[in-house]
Amino acid sequence: MIDLYTWATPNGRKVSIALEEFGLDYQVHAVDITRGDQHDPQFLEISPNGKIPAVVDREEGRNLMESGAILMYLAEKYDGFQGDDRWQTLEWLMMQMGGVGPMLGQAHHFLRFNPGKAPYAEERYAAEAKRLYSVLDKRLRDREYLSGSYSIADMATWPWISRYEWQGINWVDHPHLLRWYLAVAERPAVQRGYNVPKFVNEIPIP
């Protein structure tokens, strides 16, 4: 049994989707970040950085924070979803952790939640969002998934792309990424994991 501490954000959905894909038993603990639950001392014992998601593997007696580390842990422990080439999978997982997540997160902050307050920032992060979409689109031009077969790199990246409406993206410019996005969205495990810890909205479909 794994305890999952999470909220309905792209980072949280990475791990709930992975747990569903691996078919693991897990118990959900909602950490309402809008209420400040992430600062609770008990949660900080599990996730010292005060961020979701975090897990406790009861079998191993191990706490883990940081979504990328959790995905790597699950892939290694349960020997699955490592793609056709493990290093390429890690390469694209790190690209998500260092690029897609942080930059699209900034796009959300300025384009959706604070429009009109910082034109330079809006222009900068809208352009970076489009650039990242182009990188992903090019990668998927001649392969089904980011590292050949479906992997933790796809699980990590897809939830961020599922907020394309917040990022001002024109899908006409990214047909290969759109094909990938729709294919991942059709997976039953993705559909289940998307609604953890609660239903917020249907999966956006362009």
C-alpha atoms as a PDB file:
ATOM      1  CA  MET A   1       0.000   0.000   0.000  1.00  0.00           C
ATOM      2  CA  ILE A   2       1.190   3.485  -0.904  1.00  0.00           C
ATOM      3  CA  ASP A   3      -0.068   6.677   0.710  1.00  0.00           C
ATOM      4  CA  LEU A   4      -0.392   9.491  -1.835  1.00  0.00           C
ATOM      5  CA  TYR A   5      -0.490  13.079  -0.646  1.00  0.00           C
ATOM      6  CA  THR A   6      -1.706  15.229  -3.502  1.00  0.00           C
ATOM      7  CA  TRP A   7      -3.940  17.890  -4.978  1.00  0.00           C
ATOM      8  CA  ALA A   8      -5.561  18.378  -8.404  1.00  0.00           C
ATOM      9  CA  THR A   9      -2.617  20.034 -10.161  1.00  0.00           C
ATOM     10  CA  PRO A  10      -0.428  18.894 -13.063  1.00  0.00           C
ATOM     11  CA  ASN A  11       2.316  17.811 -10.670  1.00  0.00           C
ATOM     12  CA  GLY A  12      -0.134  15.915  -8.497  1.00  0.00           C
ATOM     13  CA  ARG A  13      -1.748  14.199 -11.452  1.00  0.00           C
ATOM     14  CA  LYS A  14       1.589  12.836 -12.666  1.00  0.00           C
ATOM     15  CA  VAL A  15       1.788  10.472  -9.703  1.00  0.00           C
ATOM     16  CA  SER A  16      -1.892   9.531  -9.434  1.00  0.00           C
ATOM     17  CA  ILE A  17      -1.797   8.623 -13.135  1.00  0.00           C
ATOM     18  CA  ALA A  18       1.366   6.572 -12.579  1.00  0.00           C
ATOM     19  CA  LEU A  19      -0.121   4.705  -9.635  1.00  0.00           C
ATOM     20  CA  GLU A  20      -3.139   3.861 -11.766  1.00  0.00           C
ATOM     21  CA  GLU A  21      -0.957   2.796 -14.697  1.00  0.00           C
ATOM     22  CA  PHE A  22       1.093   0.507 -12.459  1.00  0.00           C
ATOM     23  CA  GLY A  23      -2.117  -0.900 -10.978  1.00  0.00           C
ATOM     24  CA  LEU A  24      -0.985  -0.284  -7.405  1.00  0.00           C
ATOM     25  CA  ASP A  25      -3.085  -0.076  -4.279  1.00  0.00           C
ATOM     26  CA  TYR A  26      -2.899   3.399  -2.818  1.00  0.00           C
ATOM     27  CA  GLN A  27      -4.678   5.584  -0.324  1.00  0.00           C
ATOM     28  CA  VAL A  28      -5.269   9.222  -1.192  1.00  0.00           C
ATOM     29  CA  HIS A  29      -4.718  12.052   1.268  1.00  0.00           C
ATOM     30  CA  ALA A  30      -5.919  15.376  -0.110  1.00  0.00           C
ATOM     31  CA  VAL A  31      -3.533  18.262   0.598  1.00  0.00           C
ATOM     32  CA  ASP A  32      -5.579  21.368  -0.155  1.00  0.00           C
ATOM     33  CA  ILE A  33      -2.930  23.845  -1.249  1.00  0.00           C
ATOM     34  CA  THR A  34      -5.546  26.611  -1.534  1.00  0.00           C
ATOM     35  CA  ARG A  35      -6.052  26.270   2.216  1.00  0.00           C
ATOM     36  CA  GLY A  36      -2.372  26.002   3.106  1.00  0.00           C
ATOM     37  CA  ASP A  37      -2.414  22.308   4.035  1.00  0.00           C
ATOM     38  CA  GLN A  38       1.063  21.951   2.504  1.00  0.00           C
ATOM     39  CA  HIS A  39       2.470  23.859   5.490  1.00  0.00           C
ATOM     40  CA  ASP A  40       1.092  21.417   8.049  1.00  0.00           C
ATOM     41  CA  PRO A  41       3.959  20.057  10.206  1.00  0.00           C
ATOM     42  CA  GLN A  42       2.840  16.467   9.641  1.00  0.00           C
ATOM     43  CA  PHE A  43       2.978  16.924   5.873  1.00  0.00           C
ATOM     44  CA  LEU A  44       6.362  18.631   6.122  1.00  0.00           C
ATOM     45  CA  GLU A  45       7.714  15.506   7.800  1.00  0.00           C
ATOM     46  CA  ILE A  46       6.932  13.669   4.548  1.00  0.00           C
ATOM     47  CA  SER A  47       7.676  16.486   2.094  1.00  0.00           C
ATOM     48  CA  PRO A  48      10.179  18.914   3.655  1.00  0.00           C
ATOM     49  CA  ASN A  49       9.840  21.345   0.746  1.00  0.00           C
ATOM     50  CA  GLY A  50       6.116  21.660   1.400  1.00  0.00           C
ATOM     51  CA  LYS A  51       5.109  20.638  -2.120  1.00  0.00           C
ATOM     52  CA  ILE A  52       2.755  18.026  -3.485  1.00  0.00           C
ATOM     53  CA  PRO A  53       2.828  15.264  -4.495  1.00  0.00           C
ATOM     54  CA  ALA A  54       4.517  13.075  -1.920  1.00  0.00           C
ATOM     55  CA  VAL A  55       4.210   9.378  -1.175  1.00  0.00           C
ATOM     56  CA  VAL A  56       4.838   6.961   1.645  1.00  0.00           C
ATOM     57  CA  ASP A  57       5.665   3.410   0.588  1.00  0.00           C
ATOM     58  CA  ARG A  58       4.522   1.453   3.634  1.00  0.00           C
ATOM     59  CA  GLU A  59       6.218  -1.730   2.420  1.00  0.00           C
ATOM     60  CA  GLU A  60       9.626  -0.062   2.312  1.00  0.00           C
ATOM     61  CA  GLY A  61       9.046   2.474   5.085  1.00  0.00           C
ATOM     62  CA  ARG A  62      10.136   5.191   2.666  1.00  0.00           C
ATOM     63  CA  ASN A  63       8.883   8.738   2.186  1.00  0.00           C
ATOM     64  CA  LEU A  64       9.408  10.415  -1.184  1.00  0.00           C
ATOM     65  CA  MET A  65       8.795  13.958  -2.382  1.00  0.00           C
ATOM     66  CA  GLU A  66       9.292  15.485  -5.865  1.00  0.00           C
ATOM     67  CA  SER A  67       7.187  14.019  -8.655  1.00  0.00           C
ATOM     68  CA  GLY A  68      10.126  13.118 -10.890  1.00  0.00           C
ATOM     69  CA  ALA A  69      11.838  11.164  -8.136  1.00  0.00           C
ATOM     70  CA  ILE A  70       8.580   9.379  -7.317  1.00  0.00           C
ATOM     71  CA  LEU A  71       8.076   8.363 -10.948  1.00  0.00           C
ATOM     72  CA  MET A  72      11.636   7.064 -11.198  1.00  0.00           C
ATOM     73  CA  TYR A  73      11.172   5.133  -7.957  1.00  0.00           C
ATOM     74  CA  LEU A  74       7.971   3.471  -9.197  1.00  0.00           C
ATOM     75  CA  ALA A  75       9.472   2.621 -12.587  1.00  0.00           C
ATOM     76  CA  GLU A  76      12.507   1.021 -10.974  1.00  0.00           C
ATOM     77  CA  LYS A  77      10.730  -0.775  -8.150  1.00  0.00           C
ATOM     78  CA  TYR A  78       7.995  -2.209 -10.364  1.00  0.00           C
ATOM     79  CA  ASP A  79      10.134  -2.523 -13.510  1.00  0.00           C
ATOM     80  CA  GLY A  80       7.839  -0.820 -15.941  1.00  0.00           C
ATOM     81  CA  PHE A  81       7.107   2.195 -18.116  1.00  0.00           C
ATOM     82  CA  GLN A  82      10.770   2.964 -18.770  1.00  0.00           C
ATOM     83  CA  GLY A  83      10.259   3.379 -22.519  1.00  0.00           C
ATOM     84  CA  ASP A  84      12.320   1.845 -25.294  1.00  0.00           C
ATOM     85  CA  ASP A  85      15.492   3.479 -23.989  1.00  0.00           C
ATOM     86  CA  ARG A  86      15.792   4.155 -20.264  1.00  0.00           C
ATOM     87  CA  TRP A  87      18.178   7.067 -20.700  1.00  0.00           C
ATOM     88  CA  GLN A  88      15.986   8.736 -23.266  1.00  0.00           C
ATOM     89  CA  THR A  89      13.069   8.315 -20.878  1.00  0.00           C
ATOM     90  CA  LEU A  90      15.054  10.008 -18.111  1.00  0.00           C
ATOM     91  CA  GLU A  91      16.200  12.685 -20.548  1.00  0.00           C
ATOM     92  CA  TRP A  92      12.612  13.655 -21.404  1.00  0.00           C
ATOM     93  CA  LEU A  93      11.506  13.312 -17.801  1.00  0.00           C
ATOM     94  CA  MET A  94      14.208  15.797 -16.806  1.00  0.00           C
ATOM     95  CA  MET A  95      13.143  18.060 -19.665  1.00  0.00           C
ATOM     96  CA  GLN A  96       9.665  18.118 -18.165  1.00  0.00           C
ATOM     97  CA  MET A  97      10.963  18.747 -14.662  1.00  0.00           C
ATOM     98  CA  GLY A  98      13.335  21.516 -15.702  1.00  0.00           C
ATOM     99  CA  GLY A  99      11.481  23.063 -18.624  1.00  0.00           C
ATOM    100  CA  VAL A 100       7.876  22.124 -19.341  1.00  0.00           C
ATOM    101  CA  GLY A 101       6.652  22.283 -15.743  1.00  0.00           C
ATOM    102  CA  PRO A 102       8.383  25.454 -14.536  1.00  0.00           C
ATOM    103  CA  MET A 103       7.887  27.438 -17.731  1.00  0.00           C
ATOM    104  CA  LEU A 104       4.258  26.482 -18.289  1.00  0.00           C
ATOM    105  CA  GLY A 105       3.670  27.176 -14.613  1.00  0.00           C
ATOM    106  CA  GLN A 106       4.933  30.704 -15.158  1.00  0.00           C
ATOM    107  CA  ALA A 107       2.681  31.009 -18.206  1.00  0.00           C
ATOM    108  CA  HIS A 108      -0.272  30.083 -15.996  1.00  0.00           C
ATOM    109  CA  HIS A 109       0.732  32.662 -13.412  1.00  0.00           C
ATOM    110  CA  PHE A 110       1.012  35.569 -15.815  1.00  0.00           C
ATOM    111  CA  LEU A 111      -1.379  34.677 -18.644  1.00  0.00           C
ATOM    112  CA  ARG A 112      -4.288  33.215 -16.684  1.00  0.00           C
ATOM    113  CA  PHE A 113      -4.126  34.564 -13.145  1.00  0.00           C
ATOM    114  CA  ASN A 114      -2.505  37.978 -13.612  1.00  0.00           C
ATOM    115  CA  PRO A 115      -3.278  39.172 -17.143  1.00  0.00           C
ATOM    116  CA  GLY A 116      -2.378  42.760 -17.953  1.00  0.00           C
ATOM    117  CA  LYS A 117      -0.095  43.231 -14.946  1.00  0.00           C
ATOM    118  CA  ALA A 118       3.259  42.381 -16.511  1.00  0.00           C
ATOM    119  CA  PRO A 119       3.264  42.579 -20.323  1.00  0.00           C
ATOM    120  CA  TYR A 120       6.940  41.634 -20.597  1.00  0.00           C
ATOM    121  CA  ALA A 121       6.419  38.479 -18.509  1.00  0.00           C
ATOM    122  CA  GLU A 122       3.290  37.560 -20.427  1.00  0.00           C
ATOM    123  CA  GLU A 123       5.125  37.868 -23.737  1.00  0.00           C
ATOM    124  CA  ARG A 124       8.151  35.976 -22.428  1.00  0.00           C
ATOM    125  CA  TYR A 125       6.289  32.976 -21.031  1.00  0.00           C
ATOM    126  CA  ALA A 126       3.766  32.783 -23.870  1.00  0.00           C
ATOM    127  CA  ALA A 127       6.710  32.579 -26.290  1.00  0.00           C
ATOM    128  CA  GLU A 128       8.446  29.962 -24.154  1.00  0.00           C
ATOM    129  CA  ALA A 129       5.266  27.881 -23.969  1.00  0.00           C
ATOM    130  CA  LYS A 130       5.042  27.903 -27.774  1.00  0.00           C
ATOM    131  CA  ARG A 131       8.728  27.003 -28.057  1.00  0.00           C
ATOM    132  CA  LEU A 132       8.356  24.046 -25.698  1.00  0.00           C
ATOM    133  CA  TYR A 133       5.295  22.829 -27.564  1.00  0.00           C
ATOM    134  CA  SER A 134       7.351  22.971 -30.755  1.00  0.00           C
ATOM    135  CA  VAL A 135      10.160  20.938 -29.179  1.00  0.00           C
ATOM    136  CA  LEU A 136       7.692  18.277 -28.072  1.00  0.00           C
ATOM    137  CA  ASP A 137       5.916  18.301 -31.426  1.00  0.00           C
ATOM    138  CA  LYS A 138       9.192  17.738 -33.269  1.00  0.00           C
ATOM    139  CA  ARG A 139      10.126  14.913 -30.897  1.00  0.00           C
ATOM    140  CA  LEU A 140       6.819  13.165 -31.574  1.00  0.00           C
ATOM    141  CA  ARG A 141       6.992  13.554 -35.350  1.00  0.00           C
ATOM    142  CA  ASP A 142       8.395  10.072 -35.876  1.00  0.00           C
ATOM    143  CA  ARG A 143       7.578   8.231 -32.643  1.00  0.00           C
ATOM    144  CA  GLU A 144       4.395   7.381 -30.790  1.00  0.00           C
ATOM    145  CA  TYR A 145       5.581   8.474 -27.356  1.00  0.00           C
ATOM    146  CA  LEU A 146       8.450  10.551 -26.007  1.00  0.00           C
ATOM    147  CA  SER A 147      10.850   7.639 -25.679  1.00  0.00           C
ATOM    148  CA  GLY A 148       9.265   5.235 -28.150  1.00  0.00           C
ATOM    149  CA  SER A 149       6.864   3.283 -25.962  1.00  0.00           C
ATOM    150  CA  TYR A 150       4.652   4.828 -23.294  1.00  0.00           C
ATOM    151  CA  SER A 151       6.665   5.769 -20.220  1.00  0.00           C
ATOM    152  CA  ILE A 152       6.932   7.856 -17.083  1.00  0.00           C
ATOM    153  CA  ALA A 153       8.148  10.718 -19.305  1.00  0.00           C
ATOM    154  CA  ASP A 154       4.716  10.810 -20.942  1.00  0.00           C
ATOM    155  CA  MET A 155       2.978  10.555 -17.569  1.00  0.00           C
ATOM    156  CA  ALA A 156       4.988  13.526 -16.333  1.00  0.00           C
ATOM    157  CA  THR A 157       4.458  15.718 -19.395  1.00  0.00           C
ATOM    158  CA  TRP A 158       0.837  15.067 -20.288  1.00  0.00           C
ATOM    159  CA  PRO A 159      -0.820  16.732 -17.231  1.00  0.00           C
ATOM    160  CA  TRP A 160       0.941  20.001 -18.042  1.00  0.00           C
ATOM    161  CA  ILE A 161      -0.201  19.870 -21.654  1.00  0.00           C
ATOM    162  CA  SER A 162      -3.739  19.176 -20.440  1.00  0.00           C
ATOM    163  CA  ARG A 163      -3.831  22.831 -19.384  1.00  0.00           C
ATOM    164  CA  TYR A 164      -3.209  24.035 -22.933  1.00  0.00           C
ATOM    165  CA  GLU A 165      -6.172  26.412 -22.608  1.00  0.00           C
ATOM    166  CA  TRP A 166      -4.224  28.354 -19.975  1.00  0.00           C
ATOM    167  CA  GLN A 167      -1.193  28.675 -22.261  1.00  0.00           C
ATOM    168  CA  GLY A 168      -2.581  30.353 -25.390  1.00  0.00           C
ATOM    169  CA  ILE A 169      -1.632  27.464 -27.671  1.00  0.00           C
ATOM    170  CA  ASN A 170      -2.824  27.044 -31.268  1.00  0.00           C
ATOM    171  CA  TRP A 171      -2.987  23.299 -31.872  1.00  0.00           C
ATOM    172  CA  VAL A 172      -2.776  23.781 -35.651  1.00  0.00           C
ATOM    173  CA  ASP A 173       0.940  24.407 -35.134  1.00  0.00           C
ATOM    174  CA  HIS A 174       1.500  21.174 -33.178  1.00  0.00           C
ATOM    175  CA  PRO A 175      -0.240  18.237 -34.917  1.00  0.00           C
ATOM    176  CA  HIS A 176       2.099  15.511 -33.638  1.00  0.00           C
ATOM    177  CA  LEU A 177       1.809  16.684 -30.055  1.00  0.00           C
ATOM    178  CA  LEU A 178      -1.974  16.831 -30.449  1.00  0.00           C
ATOM    179  CA  ARG A 179      -2.068  13.225 -31.680  1.00  0.00           C
ATOM    180  CA  TRP A 180      -0.005  12.188 -28.636  1.00  0.00           C
ATOM    181  CA  TYR A 181      -2.122  14.233 -26.250  1.00  0.00           C
ATOM    182  CA  LEU A 182      -5.354  12.629 -27.451  1.00  0.00           C
ATOM    183  CA  ALA A 183      -3.869   9.117 -27.353  1.00  0.00           C
ATOM    184  CA  VAL A 184      -2.745   9.538 -23.747  1.00  0.00           C
ATOM    185  CA  ALA A 185      -6.084  11.098 -22.781  1.00  0.00           C
ATOM    186  CA  GLU A 186      -7.865   7.943 -23.969  1.00  0.00           C
ATOM    187  CA  ARG A 187      -6.008   5.687 -21.535  1.00  0.00           C
ATOM    188  CA  PRO A 188      -8.347   4.485 -18.738  1.00  0.00           C
ATOM    189  CA  ALA A 189      -5.613   4.852 -16.108  1.00  0.00           C
ATOM    190  CA  VAL A 190      -5.041   8.459 -17.158  1.00  0.00           C
ATOM    191  CA  GLN A 191      -8.755   9.165 -16.914  1.00  0.00           C
ATOM    192  CA  ARG A 192      -8.884   7.687 -13.411  1.00  0.00           C
ATOM    193  CA  GLY A 193      -5.720   9.396 -12.228  1.00  0.00           C
ATOM    194  CA  TYR A 194      -6.831  12.767 -13.559  1.00  0.00           C
ATOM    195  CA  ASN A 195      -9.673  12.866 -11.019  1.00  0.00           C
ATOM    196  CA  VAL A 196      -7.484  12.348  -7.936  1.00  0.00           C
ATOM    197  CA  PRO A 197      -7.982  13.529  -5.241  1.00  0.00           C
ATOM    198  CA  LYS A 198     -11.285  14.878  -6.575  1.00  0.00           C
ATOM    199  CA  PHE A 199     -13.136  15.655  -9.779  1.00  0.00           C
ATOM    200  CA  VAL A 200     -12.500  19.216 -10.953  1.00  0.00           C
ATOM    201  CA  ASN A 201     -13.376  19.075 -14.638  1.00  0.00           C
ATOM    202  CA  GLU A 202     -13.536  16.707 -17.573  1.00  0.00           C
ATOM    203  CA  ILE A 203     -10.235  16.164 -19.369  1.00  0.00           C
ATOM    204  CA  PRO A 204      -9.956  19.040 -21.873  1.00  0.00           C
ATOM    205  CA  ILE A 205     -10.203  17.818 -25.447  1.00  0.00           C
ATOM    206  CA  PRO A 206      -9.322  20.196 -28.310  1.00  0.00           C
END
